[in-house]
Amino acid sequence: MAASNSYEVTSWADQWDNGPDPYPANYDPSKTSTKDKYTKKVGEGFGKTKSVASSGMKKVKTGAHVGFQWIKEKYHQTTGKQ
């Protein structure tokens, strides 16, 4: 098998295997794919993350409100304003 240039050189697999690759013996196309499985898990994770972020923001909002009220009280106590 003499080739005149590198484009005509074929690999061992190209020479002896001219058909498509077979499926594994335990292949079942009806099962969910790996992508579907992980997409579902990631979606569940985002739901949990959203609820944690929401409760965290509520805590920040409440803390900020309490902090500003404390500052306001201290200001009014020192200046004598109501």
N, C-alpha and C. Protein backbone atom coordinates (compact mmCIF):
# COMPACT_ATOMS: atom_id res chain seq x y z
N MET A 1 0.84 -1.17 0.00
CA MET A 1 0.00 0.00 0.00
C MET A 1 0.88 1.24 0.00
N ALA A 2 1.23 1.68 -1.10
CA ALA A 2 2.07 2.86 -1.23
C ALA A 2 1.19 4.08 -1.47
N ALA A 3 1.44 5.11 -0.70
CA ALA A 3 0.66 6.34 -0.83
C ALA A 3 1.55 7.44 -1.39
N SER A 4 0.98 8.25 -2.25
CA SER A 4 1.77 9.31 -2.85
C SER A 4 1.83 10.54 -1.94
N ASN A 5 0.84 10.72 -1.09
CA ASN A 5 0.89 11.83 -0.14
C ASN A 5 0.22 11.41 1.16
N SER A 6 0.29 12.25 2.19
CA SER A 6 -0.20 11.86 3.51
C SER A 6 -1.73 11.80 3.58
N TYR A 7 -2.43 12.38 2.62
CA TYR A 7 -3.89 12.34 2.65
C TYR A 7 -4.43 10.97 2.26
N GLU A 8 -3.67 10.19 1.56
CA GLU A 8 -4.12 8.88 1.13
C GLU A 8 -3.80 7.79 2.15
N VAL A 9 -3.05 8.11 3.17
CA VAL A 9 -2.70 7.13 4.19
C VAL A 9 -3.91 6.94 5.10
N THR A 10 -4.27 5.68 5.30
CA THR A 10 -5.41 5.38 6.15
C THR A 10 -4.94 4.63 7.38
N SER A 11 -5.73 4.70 8.42
CA SER A 11 -5.37 4.00 9.65
C SER A 11 -5.79 2.54 9.55
N TRP A 12 -5.36 1.76 10.53
CA TRP A 12 -5.70 0.34 10.55
C TRP A 12 -7.21 0.16 10.63
N ALA A 13 -7.90 0.98 11.46
CA ALA A 13 -9.34 0.87 11.61
C ALA A 13 -10.06 1.20 10.31
N ASP A 14 -9.57 2.18 9.58
CA ASP A 14 -10.19 2.53 8.30
C ASP A 14 -10.00 1.41 7.28
N GLN A 15 -8.94 0.70 7.35
CA GLN A 15 -8.68 -0.37 6.39
C GLN A 15 -9.56 -1.59 6.65
N TRP A 16 -9.77 -1.96 7.89
CA TRP A 16 -10.41 -3.23 8.21
C TRP A 16 -11.83 -3.10 8.74
N ASP A 17 -12.27 -1.93 9.13
CA ASP A 17 -13.61 -1.76 9.69
C ASP A 17 -14.36 -0.74 8.85
N ASN A 18 -15.26 -1.21 8.00
CA ASN A 18 -15.98 -0.27 7.15
C ASN A 18 -17.43 -0.09 7.57
N GLY A 19 -17.86 -0.70 8.65
CA GLY A 19 -19.23 -0.57 9.11
C GLY A 19 -19.34 0.35 10.31
N PRO A 20 -20.58 0.67 10.71
CA PRO A 20 -20.75 1.52 11.89
C PRO A 20 -20.43 0.75 13.16
N ASP A 21 -20.11 1.47 14.22
CA ASP A 21 -19.82 0.84 15.50
C ASP A 21 -21.11 0.26 16.09
N PRO A 22 -21.08 -0.95 16.62
CA PRO A 22 -22.28 -1.55 17.19
C PRO A 22 -22.58 -0.96 18.57
N TYR A 23 -23.86 -1.05 18.96
CA TYR A 23 -24.25 -0.62 20.30
C TYR A 23 -23.80 -1.66 21.32
N PRO A 24 -23.57 -1.26 22.54
CA PRO A 24 -23.23 -2.24 23.58
C PRO A 24 -24.40 -3.21 23.80
N ALA A 25 -24.10 -4.37 24.38
CA ALA A 25 -25.12 -5.39 24.57
C ALA A 25 -26.23 -4.93 25.51
N ASN A 26 -25.93 -4.10 26.49
CA ASN A 26 -26.94 -3.67 27.44
C ASN A 26 -27.53 -2.29 27.09
N TYR A 27 -27.47 -1.88 25.86
CA TYR A 27 -27.98 -0.58 25.42
C TYR A 27 -29.51 -0.60 25.39
N ASP A 28 -30.13 0.37 26.03
CA ASP A 28 -31.58 0.50 26.03
C ASP A 28 -31.93 1.96 25.76
N PRO A 29 -32.40 2.30 24.56
CA PRO A 29 -32.67 3.71 24.24
C PRO A 29 -33.86 4.28 25.01
N SER A 30 -34.68 3.43 25.63
CA SER A 30 -35.85 3.94 26.35
C SER A 30 -35.48 4.52 27.71
N LYS A 31 -34.29 4.19 28.24
CA LYS A 31 -33.87 4.74 29.53
C LYS A 31 -33.54 6.22 29.37
N THR A 32 -33.67 6.95 30.47
CA THR A 32 -33.35 8.37 30.41
C THR A 32 -31.85 8.55 30.21
N SER A 33 -31.51 9.56 29.50
CA SER A 33 -30.10 9.81 29.24
C SER A 33 -29.44 10.45 30.46
N THR A 34 -28.15 10.48 30.46
CA THR A 34 -27.40 11.09 31.55
C THR A 34 -27.70 12.58 31.63
N LYS A 35 -27.86 13.21 30.48
CA LYS A 35 -28.17 14.64 30.45
C LYS A 35 -29.49 14.91 31.14
N ASP A 36 -30.51 14.10 30.86
CA ASP A 36 -31.81 14.30 31.49
C ASP A 36 -31.73 14.14 32.99
N LYS A 37 -30.98 13.14 33.44
CA LYS A 37 -30.85 12.88 34.86
C LYS A 37 -30.20 14.06 35.57
N TYR A 38 -29.10 14.56 35.02
CA TYR A 38 -28.40 15.67 35.66
C TYR A 38 -29.15 16.98 35.51
N THR A 39 -29.90 17.15 34.43
CA THR A 39 -30.70 18.36 34.27
C THR A 39 -31.75 18.43 35.36
N LYS A 40 -32.35 17.29 35.68
CA LYS A 40 -33.35 17.24 36.75
C LYS A 40 -32.71 17.58 38.09
N LYS A 41 -31.55 17.01 38.38
CA LYS A 41 -30.87 17.27 39.65
C LYS A 41 -30.47 18.74 39.76
N VAL A 42 -29.97 19.32 38.68
CA VAL A 42 -29.56 20.72 38.70
C VAL A 42 -30.77 21.61 38.91
N GLY A 43 -31.89 21.27 38.27
CA GLY A 43 -33.12 22.04 38.46
C GLY A 43 -33.57 22.02 39.90
N GLU A 44 -33.49 20.87 40.56
CA GLU A 44 -33.85 20.78 41.97
C GLU A 44 -32.90 21.64 42.81
N GLY A 45 -31.64 21.63 42.46
CA GLY A 45 -30.66 22.44 43.18
C GLY A 45 -30.93 23.93 43.07
N PHE A 46 -31.37 24.37 41.89
CA PHE A 46 -31.69 25.78 41.72
C PHE A 46 -32.89 26.18 42.56
N GLY A 47 -33.85 25.27 42.71
CA GLY A 47 -35.00 25.56 43.56
C GLY A 47 -34.58 25.77 45.00
N LYS A 48 -33.69 24.91 45.47
CA LYS A 48 -33.18 25.05 46.84
C LYS A 48 -32.39 26.35 46.99
N THR A 49 -31.57 26.65 46.01
CA THR A 49 -30.75 27.86 46.05
C THR A 49 -31.63 29.10 46.07
N LYS A 50 -32.69 29.07 45.29
CA LYS A 50 -33.60 30.21 45.23
C LYS A 50 -34.26 30.45 46.59
N SER A 51 -34.69 29.37 47.25
CA SER A 51 -35.35 29.54 48.55
C SER A 51 -34.36 30.04 49.60
N VAL A 52 -33.14 29.55 49.57
CA VAL A 52 -32.12 30.00 50.53
C VAL A 52 -31.79 31.46 50.29
N ALA A 53 -31.65 31.85 49.03
CA ALA A 53 -31.34 33.24 48.70
C ALA A 53 -32.48 34.15 49.12
N SER A 54 -33.71 33.70 48.94
CA SER A 54 -34.87 34.50 49.32
C SER A 54 -34.91 34.73 50.83
N SER A 55 -34.71 33.67 51.59
CA SER A 55 -34.73 33.84 53.05
C SER A 55 -33.54 34.69 53.51
N GLY A 56 -32.41 34.55 52.85
CA GLY A 56 -31.25 35.38 53.19
C GLY A 56 -31.51 36.86 52.93
N MET A 57 -32.17 37.16 51.82
CA MET A 57 -32.48 38.56 51.52
C MET A 57 -33.48 39.13 52.51
N LYS A 58 -34.42 38.32 52.96
CA LYS A 58 -35.37 38.79 53.99
C LYS A 58 -34.63 39.15 55.27
N LYS A 59 -33.64 38.33 55.64
CA LYS A 59 -32.86 38.60 56.84
C LYS A 59 -32.05 39.88 56.67
N VAL A 60 -31.47 40.09 55.51
CA VAL A 60 -30.69 41.30 55.25
C VAL A 60 -31.59 42.53 55.31
N LYS A 61 -32.77 42.43 54.71
CA LYS A 61 -33.71 43.55 54.71
C LYS A 61 -34.13 43.90 56.14
N THR A 62 -34.46 42.87 56.92
CA THR A 62 -34.85 43.10 58.31
C THR A 62 -33.70 43.69 59.12
N GLY A 63 -32.51 43.15 58.94
CA GLY A 63 -31.35 43.67 59.66
C GLY A 63 -31.04 45.11 59.29
N ALA A 64 -31.16 45.44 58.03
CA ALA A 64 -30.90 46.81 57.60
C ALA A 64 -31.93 47.76 58.20
N HIS A 65 -33.18 47.34 58.22
CA HIS A 65 -34.24 48.17 58.79
C HIS A 65 -33.99 48.44 60.28
N VAL A 66 -33.64 47.37 61.00
CA VAL A 66 -33.37 47.52 62.43
C VAL A 66 -32.15 48.42 62.65
N GLY A 67 -31.14 48.26 61.83
CA GLY A 67 -29.93 49.09 61.95
C GLY A 67 -30.22 50.55 61.72
N PHE A 68 -31.00 50.87 60.69
CA PHE A 68 -31.33 52.26 60.41
C PHE A 68 -32.20 52.86 61.51
N GLN A 69 -33.11 52.07 62.05
CA GLN A 69 -33.94 52.56 63.15
C GLN A 69 -33.08 52.87 64.38
N TRP A 70 -32.08 52.03 64.65
CA TRP A 70 -31.19 52.25 65.78
C TRP A 70 -30.41 53.55 65.59
N ILE A 71 -29.89 53.75 64.37
CA ILE A 71 -29.15 54.99 64.07
C ILE A 71 -30.06 56.19 64.22
N LYS A 72 -31.28 56.07 63.76
CA LYS A 72 -32.25 57.17 63.84
C LYS A 72 -32.54 57.51 65.30
N GLU A 73 -32.72 56.50 66.14
CA GLU A 73 -32.98 56.73 67.56
C GLU A 73 -31.79 57.42 68.22
N LYS A 74 -30.57 56.96 67.91
CA LYS A 74 -29.38 57.56 68.50
C LYS A 74 -29.23 59.02 68.08
N TYR A 75 -29.54 59.30 66.84
CA TYR A 75 -29.46 60.68 66.34
C TYR A 75 -30.45 61.56 67.08
N HIS A 76 -31.69 61.06 67.23
CA HIS A 76 -32.71 61.86 67.89
C HIS A 76 -32.40 62.03 69.38
N GLN A 77 -31.77 61.03 69.99
CA GLN A 77 -31.42 61.17 71.41
C GLN A 77 -30.33 62.22 71.61
N THR A 78 -29.37 62.27 70.71
CA THR A 78 -28.25 63.22 70.90
C THR A 78 -28.66 64.64 70.55
N THR A 79 -29.56 64.79 69.57
CA THR A 79 -29.93 66.15 69.15
C THR A 79 -31.18 66.64 69.88
N GLY A 80 -31.89 65.76 70.53
CA GLY A 80 -33.10 66.16 71.24
C GLY A 80 -34.28 66.33 70.32
N LYS A 81 -34.19 65.84 69.09
CA LYS A 81 -35.29 65.96 68.13
C LYS A 81 -36.19 64.72 68.24
N GLN A 82 -37.43 64.90 67.91
CA GLN A 82 -38.39 63.77 67.88
C GLN A 82 -39.15 63.75 66.60
